[in-house]
């Protein structure tokens, strides 16, 4: 049976900090992406009362 490797308190602290930083970066990145895409999605929706067809005229 192999011995358990013991991490120093500093190593645990750094690891937790990196995990928290990564989580917050992903969260803010996805939030800014959603904010940037919102106008584009709104432009693609048909106005109220438009026909149900999504086909474009040729």
N, C-alpha and C. Protein backbone atom coordinates (compact mmCIF):
# COMPACT_ATOMS: atom_id res chain seq x y z
N UNK A 1 0.84 -1.18 0.00
CA UNK A 1 0.00 0.00 0.00
C UNK A 1 0.89 1.24 0.00
N UNK A 2 0.56 2.22 -0.85
CA UNK A 2 1.39 3.41 -0.95
C UNK A 2 1.04 4.42 0.14
N UNK A 3 2.02 5.23 0.45
CA UNK A 3 1.81 6.26 1.47
C UNK A 3 0.99 7.40 0.89
N UNK A 4 0.21 8.01 1.73
CA UNK A 4 -0.54 9.19 1.30
C UNK A 4 0.39 10.39 1.26
N UNK A 5 0.30 11.14 0.18
CA UNK A 5 1.09 12.35 0.09
C UNK A 5 0.38 13.45 0.86
N UNK A 6 1.10 14.13 1.71
CA UNK A 6 0.50 15.22 2.48
C UNK A 6 0.80 16.54 1.79
N UNK A 7 -0.22 17.29 1.58
CA UNK A 7 -0.04 18.61 0.98
C UNK A 7 0.22 19.62 2.08
N UNK A 8 1.05 20.58 1.76
CA UNK A 8 1.29 21.65 2.73
C UNK A 8 0.08 22.57 2.77
N UNK A 9 -0.09 23.29 3.86
CA UNK A 9 -1.22 24.24 3.92
C UNK A 9 -1.15 25.30 2.82
N UNK A 10 0.06 25.71 2.44
CA UNK A 10 0.20 26.69 1.37
C UNK A 10 -0.29 26.12 0.04
N UNK A 11 0.04 24.85 -0.21
CA UNK A 11 -0.38 24.24 -1.47
C UNK A 11 -1.91 24.15 -1.54
N UNK A 12 -2.54 23.82 -0.42
CA UNK A 12 -4.00 23.76 -0.39
C UNK A 12 -4.60 25.15 -0.62
N UNK A 13 -3.99 26.15 0.00
CA UNK A 13 -4.47 27.52 -0.14
C UNK A 13 -4.38 27.98 -1.59
N UNK A 14 -3.26 27.72 -2.23
CA UNK A 14 -3.08 28.12 -3.62
C UNK A 14 -4.06 27.38 -4.52
N UNK A 15 -4.24 26.09 -4.26
CA UNK A 15 -5.17 25.31 -5.08
C UNK A 15 -6.59 25.84 -4.96
N UNK A 16 -7.03 26.15 -3.74
CA UNK A 16 -8.37 26.70 -3.56
C UNK A 16 -8.52 28.05 -4.26
N UNK A 17 -7.46 28.85 -4.20
CA UNK A 17 -7.51 30.16 -4.85
C UNK A 17 -7.62 30.03 -6.36
N UNK A 18 -6.87 29.10 -6.93
CA UNK A 18 -6.92 28.90 -8.38
C UNK A 18 -8.29 28.39 -8.79
N UNK A 19 -8.85 27.48 -8.02
CA UNK A 19 -10.18 26.95 -8.34
C UNK A 19 -11.22 28.06 -8.27
N UNK A 20 -11.14 28.91 -7.24
CA UNK A 20 -12.10 30.01 -7.10
C UNK A 20 -11.93 31.01 -8.23
N UNK A 21 -10.69 31.32 -8.60
CA UNK A 21 -10.44 32.26 -9.68
C UNK A 21 -11.00 31.73 -11.00
N UNK A 22 -10.77 30.46 -11.26
CA UNK A 22 -11.27 29.85 -12.50
C UNK A 22 -12.79 29.89 -12.53
N UNK A 23 -13.41 29.56 -11.42
CA UNK A 23 -14.87 29.55 -11.36
C UNK A 23 -15.43 30.94 -11.62
N UNK A 24 -14.84 31.95 -11.00
CA UNK A 24 -15.35 33.31 -11.19
C UNK A 24 -15.09 33.80 -12.61
N UNK A 25 -13.97 33.41 -13.21
CA UNK A 25 -13.67 33.83 -14.58
C UNK A 25 -14.66 33.22 -15.56
N UNK A 26 -14.98 31.95 -15.37
CA UNK A 26 -15.95 31.29 -16.25
C UNK A 26 -17.33 31.92 -16.09
N UNK A 27 -17.68 32.20 -14.85
CA UNK A 27 -18.99 32.80 -14.58
C UNK A 27 -19.12 34.17 -15.25
N UNK A 28 -18.10 35.02 -15.09
CA UNK A 28 -18.18 36.35 -15.68
C UNK A 28 -18.08 36.29 -17.20
N UNK A 29 -17.32 35.34 -17.72
CA UNK A 29 -17.23 35.20 -19.17
C UNK A 29 -18.54 34.78 -19.79
N UNK A 30 -19.22 33.83 -19.17
CA UNK A 30 -20.51 33.40 -19.73
C UNK A 30 -21.56 34.49 -19.56
N UNK A 31 -21.45 35.26 -18.49
CA UNK A 31 -22.40 36.36 -18.28
C UNK A 31 -22.20 37.44 -19.36
N UNK A 32 -20.95 37.76 -19.67
CA UNK A 32 -20.71 38.79 -20.69
C UNK A 32 -21.06 38.28 -22.08
N UNK A 33 -20.88 36.99 -22.32
CA UNK A 33 -21.26 36.42 -23.60
C UNK A 33 -22.77 36.48 -23.78
N UNK A 34 -23.52 36.14 -22.75
CA UNK A 34 -24.98 36.21 -22.83
C UNK A 34 -25.44 37.65 -23.05
N UNK A 35 -24.77 38.60 -22.40
CA UNK A 35 -25.13 40.00 -22.56
C UNK A 35 -24.84 40.48 -23.99
N UNK A 36 -23.74 39.99 -24.56
CA UNK A 36 -23.38 40.40 -25.92
C UNK A 36 -24.32 39.79 -26.95
N UNK A 37 -24.80 38.58 -26.71
CA UNK A 37 -25.66 37.91 -27.68
C UNK A 37 -27.13 38.31 -27.58
N UNK A 38 -27.53 38.91 -26.48
CA UNK A 38 -28.94 39.24 -26.29
C UNK A 38 -29.52 40.11 -27.41
N UNK A 39 -28.83 41.18 -27.85
CA UNK A 39 -29.40 41.97 -28.96
C UNK A 39 -29.51 41.19 -30.26
N UNK A 40 -28.57 40.32 -30.54
CA UNK A 40 -28.62 39.54 -31.78
C UNK A 40 -29.80 38.58 -31.76
N UNK A 41 -30.06 37.98 -30.64
CA UNK A 41 -31.19 37.05 -30.52
C UNK A 41 -32.50 37.84 -30.65
N UNK A 42 -32.55 39.01 -30.05
CA UNK A 42 -33.78 39.81 -30.11
C UNK A 42 -34.07 40.25 -31.55
N UNK A 43 -33.03 40.53 -32.34
CA UNK A 43 -33.23 40.94 -33.73
C UNK A 43 -33.77 39.80 -34.58
N UNK A 44 -33.45 38.57 -34.22
CA UNK A 44 -33.87 37.43 -35.03
C UNK A 44 -35.31 37.01 -34.77
N UNK A 45 -35.89 37.44 -33.68
CA UNK A 45 -37.27 37.03 -33.38
C UNK A 45 -38.23 37.85 -34.25
N UNK A 46 -39.25 37.23 -34.79
CA UNK A 46 -40.21 37.96 -35.64
C UNK A 46 -41.05 38.90 -34.78
N UNK A 47 -41.52 39.97 -35.34
CA UNK A 47 -42.35 40.90 -34.58
C UNK A 47 -43.68 40.24 -34.21
N UNK A 48 -44.33 40.73 -33.17
CA UNK A 48 -45.62 40.15 -32.79
C UNK A 48 -46.64 40.29 -33.91
N UNK A 49 -47.39 39.25 -34.15
CA UNK A 49 -48.41 39.27 -35.19
C UNK A 49 -47.90 38.84 -36.54
N UNK A 50 -46.61 38.53 -36.64
CA UNK A 50 -46.06 38.07 -37.93
C UNK A 50 -46.56 36.65 -38.18
N UNK A 51 -46.49 36.25 -39.44
CA UNK A 51 -46.97 34.91 -39.78
C UNK A 51 -46.09 33.86 -39.10
N UNK A 52 -46.65 32.68 -38.91
CA UNK A 52 -45.94 31.61 -38.22
C UNK A 52 -44.83 30.99 -39.04
N UNK A 53 -44.76 31.31 -40.33
CA UNK A 53 -43.75 30.74 -41.20
C UNK A 53 -42.42 31.39 -40.94
N UNK A 54 -41.37 30.57 -40.87
CA UNK A 54 -40.03 31.11 -40.67
C UNK A 54 -39.24 31.09 -41.97
N UNK A 55 -39.86 30.64 -43.07
CA UNK A 55 -39.18 30.58 -44.36
C UNK A 55 -39.02 31.98 -44.92
N UNK A 56 -37.87 32.23 -45.54
CA UNK A 56 -37.62 33.53 -46.13
C UNK A 56 -38.13 33.55 -47.57
N UNK A 57 -38.64 34.68 -48.02
CA UNK A 57 -39.08 34.76 -49.42
C UNK A 57 -37.87 34.72 -50.35
N UNK A 58 -38.02 34.07 -51.48
CA UNK A 58 -36.89 33.96 -52.43
C UNK A 58 -37.05 34.91 -53.58
